[in-house]
PDB file of N, CA and C in Angstrom:
ATOM      1  N   MET A   1     120.665 102.262 107.677  1.00  0.00           N
ATOM      2  CA  MET A   1     121.407 101.747 108.644  1.00  0.00           C
ATOM      3  C   MET A   1     120.828 100.100 109.145  1.00  0.00           C
ATOM      4  N   ARG A   2     121.774  99.159 108.783  1.00  0.00           N
ATOM      5  CA  ARG A   2     121.391  98.192 108.968  1.00  0.00           C
ATOM      6  C   ARG A   2     120.363  97.429 110.178  1.00  0.00           C
ATOM      7  N   GLY A   3     119.637  96.876 109.831  1.00  0.00           N
ATOM      8  CA  GLY A   3     119.018  96.395 111.390  1.00  0.00           C
ATOM      9  C   GLY A   3     118.135  97.311 112.033  1.00  0.00           C
ATOM     10  N   HIS A   4     118.285  98.748 111.489  1.00  0.00           N
ATOM     11  CA  HIS A   4     117.262  99.430 112.034  1.00  0.00           C
ATOM     12  C   HIS A   4     115.554  99.735 112.155  1.00  0.00           C
ATOM     13  N   HIS A   5     115.742  98.618 111.108  1.00  0.00           N
ATOM     14  CA  HIS A   5     114.037  98.040 111.587  1.00  0.00           C
ATOM     15  C   HIS A   5     114.311  96.290 111.344  1.00  0.00           C
ATOM     16  N   THR A   6     113.450  95.534 111.879  1.00  0.00           N
ATOM     17  CA  THR A   6     113.002  94.386 111.952  1.00  0.00           C
ATOM     18  C   THR A   6     113.327  93.506 110.813  1.00  0.00           C
ATOM     19  N   GLY A   7     112.890  94.015 109.506  1.00  0.00           N
ATOM     20  CA  GLY A   7     114.154  93.058 108.741  1.00  0.00           C
ATOM     21  C   GLY A   7     115.137  92.620 108.351  1.00  0.00           C
ATOM     22  N   PRO A   8     116.090  93.215 108.034  1.00  0.00           N
ATOM     23  CA  PRO A   8     117.468  92.862 107.569  1.00  0.00           C
ATOM     24  C   PRO A   8     118.059  92.057 108.842  1.00  0.00           C
ATOM     25  N   ASP A   9     117.785  92.332 109.892  1.00  0.00           N
ATOM     26  CA  ASP A   9     118.685  91.878 111.376  1.00  0.00           C
ATOM     27  C   ASP A   9     117.650  90.113 111.637  1.00  0.00           C
ATOM     28  N   ASP A  10     116.317  90.890 111.534  1.00  0.00           N
ATOM     29  CA  ASP A  10     115.748  89.106 111.750  1.00  0.00           C
ATOM     30  C   ASP A  10     116.113  88.279 110.658  1.00  0.00           C
ATOM     31  N   PHE A  11     116.023  88.573 109.434  1.00  0.00           N
ATOM     32  CA  PHE A  11     116.327  87.627 108.705  1.00  0.00           C
ATOM     33  C   PHE A  11     117.760  86.755 108.555  1.00  0.00           C
ATOM     34  N   ILE A  12     118.612  87.724 109.330  1.00  0.00           N
ATOM     35  CA  ILE A  12     120.077  86.964 109.196  1.00  0.00           C
ATOM     36  C   ILE A  12     119.753  85.877 110.499  1.00  0.00           C
ATOM     37  N   ILE A  13     119.335  86.313 111.681  1.00  0.00           N
ATOM     38  CA  ILE A  13     118.918  85.647 112.830  1.00  0.00           C
ATOM     39  C   ILE A  13     117.951  84.092 112.294  1.00  0.00           C
ATOM     40  N   ALA A  14     117.027  84.543 111.651  1.00  0.00           N
ATOM     41  CA  ALA A  14     116.010  83.262 111.373  1.00  0.00           C
ATOM     42  C   ALA A  14     116.832  82.581 110.418  1.00  0.00           C
ATOM     43  N   GLY A  15     117.554  83.190 109.608  1.00  0.00           N
ATOM     44  CA  GLY A  15     118.350  82.216 108.875  1.00  0.00           C
ATOM     45  C   GLY A  15     119.378  81.211 108.962  1.00  0.00           C
ATOM     46  N   ILE A  16     119.756  81.408 110.917  1.00  0.00           N
ATOM     47  CA  ILE A  16     120.377  80.736 111.222  1.00  0.00           C
ATOM     48  C   ILE A  16     119.882  80.071 112.666  1.00  0.00           C
ATOM     49  N   LEU A  17     118.805  80.350 112.612  1.00  0.00           N
ATOM     50  CA  LEU A  17     118.106  79.510 113.738  1.00  0.00           C
ATOM     51  C   LEU A  17     118.888  78.124 114.271  1.00  0.00           C
ATOM     52  N   PRO A  18     118.965  77.130 113.190  1.00  0.00           N
ATOM     53  CA  PRO A  18     119.417  75.976 113.411  1.00  0.00           C
ATOM     54  C   PRO A  18     120.957  75.914 114.286  1.00  0.00           C
ATOM     55  N   ALA A  19     121.617  76.653 113.710  1.00  0.00           N
ATOM     56  CA  ALA A  19     123.237  76.682 114.213  1.00  0.00           C
ATOM     57  C   ALA A  19     122.867  77.145 115.601  1.00  0.00           C
ATOM     58  N   ILE A  20     122.390  78.215 116.026  1.00  0.00           N
ATOM     59  CA  ILE A  20     122.109  79.061 117.254  1.00  0.00           C
ATOM     60  C   ILE A  20     121.538  78.127 117.919  1.00  0.00           C
ATOM     61  N   SER A  21     120.115  77.510 117.984  1.00  0.00           N
ATOM     62  CA  SER A  21     119.658  76.334 118.833  1.00  0.00           C
ATOM     63  C   SER A  21     120.959  75.301 118.760  1.00  0.00           C
ATOM     64  N   ALA A  22     121.547  74.734 118.100  1.00  0.00           N
ATOM     65  CA  ALA A  22     122.598  73.987 118.369  1.00  0.00           C
ATOM     66  C   ALA A  22     123.713  73.975 119.526  1.00  0.00           C
ATOM     67  N   ASP A  23     124.144  75.394 119.074  1.00  0.00           N
ATOM     68  CA  ASP A  23     125.374  76.102 119.735  1.00  0.00           C
ATOM     69  C   ASP A  23     124.659  76.742 121.107  1.00  0.00           C
ATOM     70  N   LEU A  24     123.385  76.772 121.490  1.00  0.00           N
ATOM     71  CA  LEU A  24     122.833  77.472 122.858  1.00  0.00           C
ATOM     72  C   LEU A  24     122.486  76.383 123.251  1.00  0.00           C
ATOM     73  N   GLU A  25     122.355  75.391 122.723  1.00  0.00           N
ATOM     74  CA  GLU A  25     121.299  74.098 123.302  1.00  0.00           C
ATOM     75  C   GLU A  25     120.142  74.140 123.994  1.00  0.00           C
ATOM     76  N   VAL A  26     119.453  74.791 123.002  1.00  0.00           N
ATOM     77  CA  VAL A  26     117.852  75.210 123.066  1.00  0.00           C
ATOM     78  C   VAL A  26     117.291  75.041 122.029  1.00  0.00           C
ATOM     79  N   SER A  27     115.983  74.556 122.043  1.00  0.00           N
ATOM     80  CA  SER A  27     115.202  74.439 121.081  1.00  0.00           C
ATOM     81  C   SER A  27     115.279  75.384 119.926  1.00  0.00           C
ATOM     82  N   GLU A  28     114.777  74.978 118.311  1.00  0.00           N
ATOM     83  CA  GLU A  28     115.068  75.695 117.342  1.00  0.00           C
ATOM     84  C   GLU A  28     113.454  77.116 117.674  1.00  0.00           C
ATOM     85  N   ALA A  29     112.548  76.191 118.168  1.00  0.00           N
ATOM     86  CA  ALA A  29     111.318  77.425 118.947  1.00  0.00           C
ATOM     87  C   ALA A  29     112.189  78.665 119.631  1.00  0.00           C
ATOM     88  N   ALA A  30     112.836  78.099 120.405  1.00  0.00           N
ATOM     89  CA  ALA A  30     113.730  78.903 121.571  1.00  0.00           C
ATOM     90  C   ALA A  30     114.286  79.752 120.840  1.00  0.00           C
ATOM     91  N   ALA A  31     115.023  79.456 119.761  1.00  0.00           N
ATOM     92  CA  ALA A  31     116.225  80.196 119.509  1.00  0.00           C
ATOM     93  C   ALA A  31     115.400  80.950 118.350  1.00  0.00           C
ATOM     94  N   GLY A  32     114.060  80.881 117.781  1.00  0.00           N
ATOM     95  CA  GLY A  32     113.055  81.791 117.072  1.00  0.00           C
ATOM     96  C   GLY A  32     112.484  82.459 118.102  1.00  0.00           C
ATOM     97  N   GLN A  33     112.285  83.299 119.325  1.00  0.00           N
ATOM     98  CA  GLN A  33     112.094  83.567 120.271  1.00  0.00           C
ATOM     99  C   GLN A  33     113.048  85.063 120.567  1.00  0.00           C
ATOM    100  N   LEU A  34     114.038  84.594 119.436  1.00  0.00           N
ATOM    101  CA  LEU A  34     115.410  85.456 119.550  1.00  0.00           C
ATOM    102  C   LEU A  34     114.672  86.972 118.348  1.00  0.00           C
ATOM    103  N   VAL A  35     113.936  86.307 117.395  1.00  0.00           N
ATOM    104  CA  VAL A  35     113.329  87.033 116.509  1.00  0.00           C
ATOM    105  C   VAL A  35     112.197  88.414 116.921  1.00  0.00           C
ATOM    106  N   ILE A  36     111.075  87.062 117.577  1.00  0.00           N
ATOM    107  CA  ILE A  36     110.025  88.098 118.085  1.00  0.00           C
ATOM    108  C   ILE A  36     110.355  88.809 119.005  1.00  0.00           C
ATOM    109  N   ALA A  37     111.291  88.840 120.048  1.00  0.00           N
ATOM    110  CA  ALA A  37     111.515  89.673 120.930  1.00  0.00           C
ATOM    111  C   ALA A  37     112.557  90.923 120.708  1.00  0.00           C
ATOM    112  N   PHE A  38     113.193  90.918 119.546  1.00  0.00           N
ATOM    113  CA  PHE A  38     113.641  91.632 118.932  1.00  0.00           C
ATOM    114  C   PHE A  38     112.460  92.591 117.964  1.00  0.00           C
ATOM    115  N   SER A  39     111.417  91.838 117.311  1.00  0.00           N
ATOM    116  CA  SER A  39     110.524  92.622 116.529  1.00  0.00           C
ATOM    117  C   SER A  39     109.645  93.117 117.727  1.00  0.00           C
ATOM    118  N   ILE A  40     109.055  92.629 118.207  1.00  0.00           N
ATOM    119  CA  ILE A  40     108.301  93.593 119.420  1.00  0.00           C
ATOM    120  C   ILE A  40     108.810  94.123 120.328  1.00  0.00           C
ATOM    121  N   THR A  41     109.685  94.370 120.876  1.00  0.00           N
ATOM    122  CA  THR A  41     110.854  95.170 121.546  1.00  0.00           C
ATOM    123  C   THR A  41     111.051  96.730 120.509  1.00  0.00           C
ATOM    124  N   TYR A  42     111.317  96.217 119.164  1.00  0.00           N
ATOM    125  CA  TYR A  42     111.239  97.532 118.534  1.00  0.00           C
ATOM    126  C   TYR A  42     109.885  98.208 117.785  1.00  0.00           C
ATOM    127  N   ALA A  43     108.768  97.216 117.977  1.00  0.00           N
ATOM    128  CA  ALA A  43     107.704  97.844 117.624  1.00  0.00           C
ATOM    129  C   ALA A  43     107.106  98.568 118.763  1.00  0.00           C
ATOM    130  N   VAL A  44     107.329  98.224 119.865  1.00  0.00           N
ATOM    131  CA  VAL A  44     106.555  98.781 121.229  1.00  0.00           C
ATOM    132  C   VAL A  44     107.964  99.933 121.580  1.00  0.00           C
ATOM    133  N   ALA A  45     108.823 100.126 121.236  1.00  0.00           N
ATOM    134  CA  ALA A  45     109.869 101.177 121.460  1.00  0.00           C
ATOM    135  C   ALA A  45     110.012 102.077 120.522  1.00  0.00           C
ATOM    136  N   ALA A  46     109.989 101.982 119.059  1.00  0.00           N
ATOM    137  CA  ALA A  46     110.254 103.274 118.424  1.00  0.00           C
ATOM    138  C   ALA A  46     109.156 104.310 118.462  1.00  0.00           C
ATOM    139  N   PRO A  47     108.274 104.105 119.259  1.00  0.00           N
ATOM    140  CA  PRO A  47     107.286 105.499 118.824  1.00  0.00           C
ATOM    141  C   PRO A  47     107.570 106.141 120.296  1.00  0.00           C
ATOM    142  N   ILE A  48     108.002 105.158 121.294  1.00  0.00           N
ATOM    143  CA  ILE A  48     108.283 105.954 122.757  1.00  0.00           C
ATOM    144  C   ILE A  48     109.702 106.431 122.517  1.00  0.00           C
ATOM    145  N   MET A  49     110.987 106.007 121.579  1.00  0.00           N
ATOM    146  CA  MET A  49     112.084 106.538 121.649  1.00  0.00           C
ATOM    147  C   MET A  49     111.778 107.952 120.778  1.00  0.00           C
ATOM    148  N   ALA A  50     111.149 107.641 119.357  1.00  0.00           N
ATOM    149  CA  ALA A  50     111.098 109.047 118.397  1.00  0.00           C
ATOM    150  C   ALA A  50     110.898 110.134 119.678  1.00  0.00           C
ATOM    151  N   VAL A  51     109.624 110.190 120.646  1.00  0.00           N
ATOM    152  CA  VAL A  51     109.278 111.395 121.350  1.00  0.00           C
ATOM    153  C   VAL A  51     110.553 111.299 122.280  1.00  0.00           C
ATOM    154  N   LEU A  52     111.314 110.702 122.978  1.00  0.00           N
ATOM    155  CA  LEU A  52     112.172 110.702 124.148  1.00  0.00           C
ATOM    156  C   LEU A  52     113.284 111.065 122.924  1.00  0.00           C
ATOM    157  N   THR A  53     113.791 111.145 121.796  1.00  0.00           N
ATOM    158  CA  THR A  53     115.215 111.316 121.062  1.00  0.00           C
ATOM    159  C   THR A  53     114.986 112.637 120.140  1.00  0.00           C
ATOM    160  N   ALA A  54     113.592 113.300 120.179  1.00  0.00           N
ATOM    161  CA  ALA A  54     113.228 114.171 119.203  1.00  0.00           C
ATOM    162  C   ALA A  54     113.694 115.765 119.464  1.00  0.00           C
ATOM    163  N   ARG A  55     114.441 116.005 120.651  1.00  0.00           N
ATOM    164  CA  ARG A  55     114.964 117.061 120.647  1.00  0.00           C
ATOM    165  C   ARG A  55     116.295 116.922 120.247  1.00  0.00           C
ATOM    166  N   LEU A  56     116.830 115.842 120.716  1.00  0.00           N
ATOM    167  CA  LEU A  56     118.114 115.766 120.019  1.00  0.00           C
ATOM    168  C   LEU A  56     118.487 115.981 118.588  1.00  0.00           C
ATOM    169  N   PRO A  57     119.980 116.729 118.070  1.00  0.00           N
ATOM    170  CA  PRO A  57     120.253 116.832 117.017  1.00  0.00           C
ATOM    171  C   PRO A  57     120.017 114.963 116.399  1.00  0.00           C
ATOM    172  N   ARG A  58     119.675 115.069 115.066  1.00  0.00           N
ATOM    173  CA  ARG A  58     119.143 113.755 114.432  1.00  0.00           C
ATOM    174  C   ARG A  58     120.560 112.909 114.109  1.00  0.00           C
ATOM    175  N   LYS A  59     121.830 113.609 114.450  1.00  0.00           N
ATOM    176  CA  LYS A  59     122.845 112.683 114.093  1.00  0.00           C
ATOM    177  C   LYS A  59     123.342 111.827 115.167  1.00  0.00           C
ATOM    178  N   VAL A  60     123.113 112.505 116.549  1.00  0.00           N
ATOM    179  CA  VAL A  60     123.151 111.915 117.726  1.00  0.00           C
ATOM    180  C   VAL A  60     122.275 110.254 118.039  1.00  0.00           C
ATOM    181  N   PRO A  61     121.263 110.230 117.577  1.00  0.00           N
ATOM    182  CA  PRO A  61     120.689 108.832 117.611  1.00  0.00           C
ATOM    183  C   PRO A  61     121.417 107.788 116.600  1.00  0.00           C
ATOM    184  N   ILE A  62     121.244 108.655 115.285  1.00  0.00           N
ATOM    185  CA  ILE A  62     122.024 107.887 113.753  1.00  0.00           C
ATOM    186  C   ILE A  62     123.601 107.384 114.180  1.00  0.00           C
ATOM    187  N   VAL A  63     124.207 108.316 114.269  1.00  0.00           N
ATOM    188  CA  VAL A  63     125.490 107.790 114.508  1.00  0.00           C
ATOM    189  C   VAL A  63     125.766 106.937 116.065  1.00  0.00           C
ATOM    190  N   GLY A  64     125.272 107.397 117.101  1.00  0.00           N
ATOM    191  CA  GLY A  64     125.387 106.524 118.312  1.00  0.00           C
ATOM    192  C   GLY A  64     124.780 105.534 118.276  1.00  0.00           C
ATOM    193  N   GLY A  65     123.646 105.403 117.659  1.00  0.00           N
ATOM    194  CA  GLY A  65     123.035 104.273 116.865  1.00  0.00           C
ATOM    195  C   GLY A  65     123.804 103.036 116.542  1.00  0.00           C
ATOM    196  N   LEU A  66     124.088 103.542 115.037  1.00  0.00           N
ATOM    197  CA  LEU A  66     125.029 102.876 114.290  1.00  0.00           C
ATOM    198  C   LEU A  66     126.426 102.165 115.207  1.00  0.00           C
ATOM    199  N   VAL A  67     127.015 102.684 115.983  1.00  0.00           N
ATOM    200  CA  VAL A  67     128.098 102.374 117.200  1.00  0.00           C
ATOM    201  C   VAL A  67     127.691 101.684 117.830  1.00  0.00           C
ATOM    202  N   VAL A  68     126.504 101.591 118.693  1.00  0.00           N
ATOM    203  CA  VAL A  68     126.263 100.610 119.471  1.00  0.00           C
ATOM    204  C   VAL A  68     125.620  99.399 119.252  1.00  0.00           C
ATOM    205  N   PHE A  69     125.191  99.448 118.075  1.00  0.00           N
ATOM    206  CA  PHE A  69     124.053  98.469 117.395  1.00  0.00           C
ATOM    207  C   PHE A  69     125.349  97.706 116.989  1.00  0.00           C
ATOM    208  N   ALA A  70     126.499  98.340 116.221  1.00  0.00           N
ATOM    209  CA  ALA A  70     127.568  97.220 115.919  1.00  0.00           C
ATOM    210  C   ALA A  70     128.130  96.604 117.047  1.00  0.00           C
ATOM    211  N   ALA A  71     128.365  97.218 117.960  1.00  0.00           N
ATOM    212  CA  ALA A  71     129.128  96.855 119.176  1.00  0.00           C
ATOM    213  C   ALA A  71     128.384  95.822 119.554  1.00  0.00           C
ATOM    214  N   ILE A  72     126.950  95.840 119.832  1.00  0.00           N
ATOM    215  CA  ILE A  72     126.072  94.655 120.268  1.00  0.00           C
ATOM    216  C   ILE A  72     126.086  93.493 119.135  1.00  0.00           C
ATOM    217  N   ASP A  73     125.858  93.740 117.854  1.00  0.00           N
ATOM    218  CA  ASP A  73     125.881  92.544 117.269  1.00  0.00           C
ATOM    219  C   ASP A  73     127.688  91.962 116.992  1.00  0.00           C
ATOM    220  N   PHE A  74     128.670  92.783 117.546  1.00  0.00           N
ATOM    221  CA  PHE A  74     129.921  92.043 117.653  1.00  0.00           C
ATOM    222  C   PHE A  74     129.880  91.248 118.900  1.00  0.00           C
ATOM    223  N   ALA A  75     129.375  92.056 120.256  1.00  0.00           N
ATOM    224  CA  ALA A  75     129.618  90.907 121.527  1.00  0.00           C
ATOM    225  C   ALA A  75     128.342  89.683 121.225  1.00  0.00           C
ATOM    226  N   THR A  76     127.798  89.444 120.097  1.00  0.00           N
ATOM    227  CA  THR A  76     126.762  88.456 120.001  1.00  0.00           C
ATOM    228  C   THR A  76     127.760  87.414 119.628  1.00  0.00           C
ATOM    229  N   ALA A  77     128.201  87.812 118.828  1.00  0.00           N
ATOM    230  CA  ALA A  77     129.244  86.263 118.364  1.00  0.00           C
ATOM    231  C   ALA A  77     130.115  85.503 119.571  1.00  0.00           C
ATOM    232  N   PHE A  78     130.337  86.487 120.692  1.00  0.00           N
ATOM    233  CA  PHE A  78     130.948  85.731 121.846  1.00  0.00           C
ATOM    234  C   PHE A  78     130.073  85.408 123.135  1.00  0.00           C
ATOM    235  N   VAL A  79     128.393  85.394 122.482  1.00  0.00           N
ATOM    236  CA  VAL A  79     127.653  84.820 123.418  1.00  0.00           C
ATOM    237  C   VAL A  79     127.524  83.369 123.585  1.00  0.00           C
ATOM    238  N   THR A  80     127.839  82.836 125.154  1.00  0.00           N
ATOM    239  CA  THR A  80     127.519  81.147 125.258  1.00  0.00           C
ATOM    240  C   THR A  80     126.437  81.050 126.099  1.00  0.00           C
ATOM    241  N   THR A  81     125.481  81.624 126.530  1.00  0.00           N
ATOM    242  CA  THR A  81     124.118  81.452 126.937  1.00  0.00           C
ATOM    243  C   THR A  81     122.872  82.142 126.143  1.00  0.00           C
ATOM    244  N   TYR A  82     121.743  81.567 126.322  1.00  0.00           N
ATOM    245  CA  TYR A  82     120.572  82.111 125.561  1.00  0.00           C
ATOM    246  C   TYR A  82     119.918  83.280 126.321  1.00  0.00           C
ATOM    247  N   PRO A  83     120.127  83.250 127.713  1.00  0.00           N
ATOM    248  CA  PRO A  83     119.629  84.661 128.211  1.00  0.00           C
ATOM    249  C   PRO A  83     120.600  86.038 127.868  1.00  0.00           C
ATOM    250  N   LEU A  84     121.552  85.780 127.880  1.00  0.00           N
ATOM    251  CA  LEU A  84     122.375  86.474 127.441  1.00  0.00           C
ATOM    252  C   LEU A  84     122.530  87.003 126.045  1.00  0.00           C
ATOM    253  N   LEU A  85     122.357  86.670 124.896  1.00  0.00           N
ATOM    254  CA  LEU A  85     121.997  86.435 123.713  1.00  0.00           C
ATOM    255  C   LEU A  85     120.669  87.080 123.692  1.00  0.00           C
ATOM    256  N   MET A  86     119.598  86.647 124.277  1.00  0.00           N
ATOM    257  CA  MET A  86     118.201  87.509 124.360  1.00  0.00           C
ATOM    258  C   MET A  86     118.301  88.737 124.917  1.00  0.00           C
ATOM    259  N   ALA A  87     119.068  89.135 125.987  1.00  0.00           N
ATOM    260  CA  ALA A  87     119.127  90.380 126.845  1.00  0.00           C
ATOM    261  C   ALA A  87     119.515  91.676 125.699  1.00  0.00           C
ATOM    262  N   LEU A  88     120.621  91.157 124.749  1.00  0.00           N
ATOM    263  CA  LEU A  88     121.597  91.514 123.704  1.00  0.00           C
ATOM    264  C   LEU A  88     120.435  91.785 122.559  1.00  0.00           C
ATOM    265  N   ARG A  89     119.434  91.134 122.342  1.00  0.00           N
ATOM    266  CA  ARG A  89     118.645  91.152 120.919  1.00  0.00           C
ATOM    267  C   ARG A  89     117.754  92.324 121.684  1.00  0.00           C
ATOM    268  N   VAL A  90     117.192  92.165 122.510  1.00  0.00           N
ATOM    269  CA  VAL A  90     116.382  93.431 123.260  1.00  0.00           C
ATOM    270  C   VAL A  90     117.058  94.620 123.208  1.00  0.00           C
ATOM    271  N   LEU A  91     118.045  94.614 123.909  1.00  0.00           N
ATOM    272  CA  LEU A  91     118.965  95.640 123.617  1.00  0.00           C
ATOM    273  C   LEU A  91     119.331  96.515 122.402  1.00  0.00           C
ATOM    274  N   ALA A  92     119.627  95.316 121.409  1.00  0.00           N
ATOM    275  CA  ALA A  92     119.682  95.897 119.824  1.00  0.00           C
ATOM    276  C   ALA A  92     118.809  96.420 119.381  1.00  0.00           C
ATOM    277  N   ALA A  93     116.991  96.081 119.885  1.00  0.00           N
ATOM    278  CA  ALA A  93     115.778  96.425 119.370  1.00  0.00           C
ATOM    279  C   ALA A  93     115.496  97.865 119.763  1.00  0.00           C
ATOM    280  N   LEU A  94     116.037  98.250 120.923  1.00  0.00           N
ATOM    281  CA  LEU A  94     116.031  99.384 121.675  1.00  0.00           C
ATOM    282  C   LEU A  94     116.939 100.291 121.015  1.00  0.00           C
ATOM    283  N   VAL A  95     117.958 100.438 120.733  1.00  0.00           N
ATOM    284  CA  VAL A  95     118.890 101.124 119.846  1.00  0.00           C
ATOM    285  C   VAL A  95     118.145 101.362 118.619  1.00  0.00           C
ATOM    286  N   ALA A  96     117.884 100.096 117.885  1.00  0.00           N
ATOM    287  CA  ALA A  96     117.342 100.446 116.434  1.00  0.00           C
ATOM    288  C   ALA A  96     115.931 101.093 116.903  1.00  0.00           C
ATOM    289  N   ALA A  97     115.221 100.899 117.744  1.00  0.00           N
ATOM    290  CA  ALA A  97     114.426 101.961 117.696  1.00  0.00           C
ATOM    291  C   ALA A  97     114.501 103.267 117.975  1.00  0.00           C
ATOM    292  N   SER A  98     115.354 103.652 118.333  1.00  0.00           N
ATOM    293  CA  SER A  98     116.102 104.950 118.851  1.00  0.00           C
ATOM    294  C   SER A  98     116.475 105.685 117.367  1.00  0.00           C
ATOM    295  N   ALA A  99     117.358 105.252 116.712  1.00  0.00           N
ATOM    296  CA  ALA A  99     117.812 105.331 115.648  1.00  0.00           C
ATOM    297  C   ALA A  99     116.984 105.424 114.368  1.00  0.00           C
ATOM    298  N   SER A 100     115.814 104.349 114.021  1.00  0.00           N
ATOM    299  CA  SER A 100     115.201 104.597 113.152  1.00  0.00           C
ATOM    300  C   SER A 100     114.534 105.677 113.073  1.00  0.00           C
ATOM    301  N   PRO A 101     113.487 106.321 113.583  1.00  0.00           N
ATOM    302  CA  PRO A 101     112.695 107.405 113.779  1.00  0.00           C
ATOM    303  C   PRO A 101     113.673 108.352 113.070  1.00  0.00           C
ATOM    304  N   ALA A 102     114.904 108.554 113.691  1.00  0.00           N
ATOM    305  CA  ALA A 102     115.931 109.730 113.254  1.00  0.00           C
ATOM    306  C   ALA A 102     116.240 109.485 111.895  1.00  0.00           C
ATOM    307  N   ALA A 103     116.725 108.638 111.271  1.00  0.00           N
ATOM    308  CA  ALA A 103     116.870 108.560 110.086  1.00  0.00           C
ATOM    309  C   ALA A 103     115.795 108.421 109.068  1.00  0.00           C
ATOM    310  N   PHE A 104     114.345 107.874 109.287  1.00  0.00           N
ATOM    311  CA  PHE A 104     113.184 108.410 108.610  1.00  0.00           C
ATOM    312  C   PHE A 104     113.210 109.974 108.662  1.00  0.00           C
ATOM    313  N   SER A 105     112.966 110.597 109.882  1.00  0.00           N
ATOM    314  CA  SER A 105     112.866 112.125 109.931  1.00  0.00           C
ATOM    315  C   SER A 105     114.353 112.891 108.827  1.00  0.00           C
ATOM    316  N   VAL A 106     115.166 112.355 108.956  1.00  0.00           N
ATOM    317  CA  VAL A 106     116.225 112.932 108.148  1.00  0.00           C
ATOM    318  C   VAL A 106     115.863 112.331 106.774  1.00  0.00           C
ATOM    319  N   ALA A 107     115.458 111.318 106.305  1.00  0.00           N
ATOM    320  CA  ALA A 107     115.420 111.020 104.783  1.00  0.00           C
ATOM    321  C   ALA A 107     114.101 112.030 104.539  1.00  0.00           C
ATOM    322  N   GLY A 108     113.015 112.061 105.412  1.00  0.00           N
ATOM    323  CA  GLY A 108     112.003 112.672 104.492  1.00  0.00           C
ATOM    324  C   GLY A 108     112.202 114.464 104.794  1.00  0.00           C
ATOM    325  N   THR A 109     113.248 115.057 105.589  1.00  0.00           N
ATOM    326  CA  THR A 109     113.441 116.175 105.589  1.00  0.00           C
ATOM    327  C   THR A 109     114.392 116.714 104.387  1.00  0.00           C
ATOM    328  N   LEU A 110     115.566 115.586 104.209  1.00  0.00           N
ATOM    329  CA  LEU A 110     116.265 116.176 102.758  1.00  0.00           C
ATOM    330  C   LEU A 110     115.778 116.216 101.733  1.00  0.00           C
ATOM    331  N   ALA A 111     114.639 114.694 101.423  1.00  0.00           N
ATOM    332  CA  ALA A 111     114.410 115.192 100.056  1.00  0.00           C
ATOM    333  C   ALA A 111     113.515 115.872  99.414  1.00  0.00           C
ATOM    334  N   GLU A 112     113.307 115.587  97.956  1.00  0.00           N
ATOM    335  CA  GLU A 112     112.228 116.981  97.529  1.00  0.00           C
ATOM    336  C   GLU A 112     110.982 116.549  97.667  1.00  0.00           C
ATOM    337  N   PRO A 113     110.279 117.362  98.301  1.00  0.00           N
ATOM    338  CA  PRO A 113     108.744 116.781  98.458  1.00  0.00           C
ATOM    339  C   PRO A 113     107.719 115.739  97.474  1.00  0.00           C
ATOM    340  N   ALA A 114     108.223 115.866  96.117  1.00  0.00           N
ATOM    341  CA  ALA A 114     107.895 114.399  95.294  1.00  0.00           C
ATOM    342  C   ALA A 114     108.485 113.293  95.793  1.00  0.00           C
ATOM    343  N   LYS A 115     109.576 113.217  96.266  1.00  0.00           N
ATOM    344  CA  LYS A 115     110.003 112.026  96.574  1.00  0.00           C
ATOM    345  C   LYS A 115     110.186 111.599  98.093  1.00  0.00           C
ATOM    346  N   ILE A 116     109.599 112.322  98.853  1.00  0.00           N
ATOM    347  CA  ILE A 116     109.853 111.913 100.885  1.00  0.00           C
ATOM    348  C   ILE A 116     109.393 110.650 100.679  1.00  0.00           C
ATOM    349  N   GLY A 117     108.377 109.833 100.003  1.00  0.00           N
ATOM    350  CA  GLY A 117     108.168 108.394 100.438  1.00  0.00           C
ATOM    351  C   GLY A 117     109.401 107.557  99.710  1.00  0.00           C
ATOM    352  N   ARG A 118     109.538 107.978  98.196  1.00  0.00           N
ATOM    353  CA  ARG A 118     110.926 106.621  98.033  1.00  0.00           C
ATOM    354  C   ARG A 118     111.976 107.120  99.072  1.00  0.00           C
ATOM    355  N   ALA A 119     112.671 108.465  99.478  1.00  0.00           N
ATOM    356  CA  ALA A 119     113.571 108.141 100.488  1.00  0.00           C
ATOM    357  C   ALA A 119     113.573 107.457 101.776  1.00  0.00           C
ATOM    358  N   ILE A 120     112.206 107.826 102.335  1.00  0.00           N
ATOM    359  CA  ILE A 120     111.929 106.833 103.395  1.00  0.00           C
ATOM    360  C   ILE A 120     112.025 105.445 103.154  1.00  0.00           C
ATOM    361  N   GLY A 121     111.321 105.184 101.703  1.00  0.00           N
ATOM    362  CA  GLY A 121     111.344 103.630 101.525  1.00  0.00           C
ATOM    363  C   GLY A 121     112.704 103.296 101.747  1.00  0.00           C
ATOM    364  N   THR A 122     113.470 104.131 100.973  1.00  0.00           N
ATOM    365  CA  THR A 122     115.081 103.550 100.627  1.00  0.00           C
ATOM    366  C   THR A 122     115.667 103.760 102.265  1.00  0.00           C
ATOM    367  N   VAL A 123     115.386 104.157 102.956  1.00  0.00           N
ATOM    368  CA  VAL A 123     115.996 103.969 104.635  1.00  0.00           C
ATOM    369  C   VAL A 123     115.504 102.845 105.084  1.00  0.00           C
ATOM    370  N   THR A 124     114.273 102.474 104.881  1.00  0.00           N
ATOM    371  CA  THR A 124     113.717 100.992 105.378  1.00  0.00           C
ATOM    372  C   THR A 124     114.366 100.011 104.276  1.00  0.00           C
ATOM    373  N   ALA A 125     114.492  99.932 103.647  1.00  0.00           N
ATOM    374  CA  ALA A 125     115.319  98.707 102.595  1.00  0.00           C
ATOM    375  C   ALA A 125     116.476  98.490 103.019  1.00  0.00           C
ATOM    376  N   VAL A 126     117.268  99.461 103.678  1.00  0.00           N
ATOM    377  CA  VAL A 126     118.616  99.577 103.749  1.00  0.00           C
ATOM    378  C   VAL A 126     118.988  98.732 105.140  1.00  0.00           C
TER     379      VAL A 126
END
């Protein structure tokens, strides 16, 4: 699931910081805080969301997360203010934090015992 860990989603934002800065009329440092806010929110929320969603069927946070995350990413294309973009980045991180543990769990469960690490690594890299 793209963006369900901080890597790909933050790399995209980091690559377009000058454009975001210019478009929203904020400094590049302020635009860079979008990456930091996503990463910190994800890091803090993932363990909590893993516990909160543990009793749900794994499909719920994964499929639901894909849909909501895509909608949030789509919405960011139309944002015209920095505070709203920041709020969407935090919301996207919360969604990612709820879907990632489920995706890692499924990968570990479906893989052969000798390939669990590789399966989880694949989920992380996608």
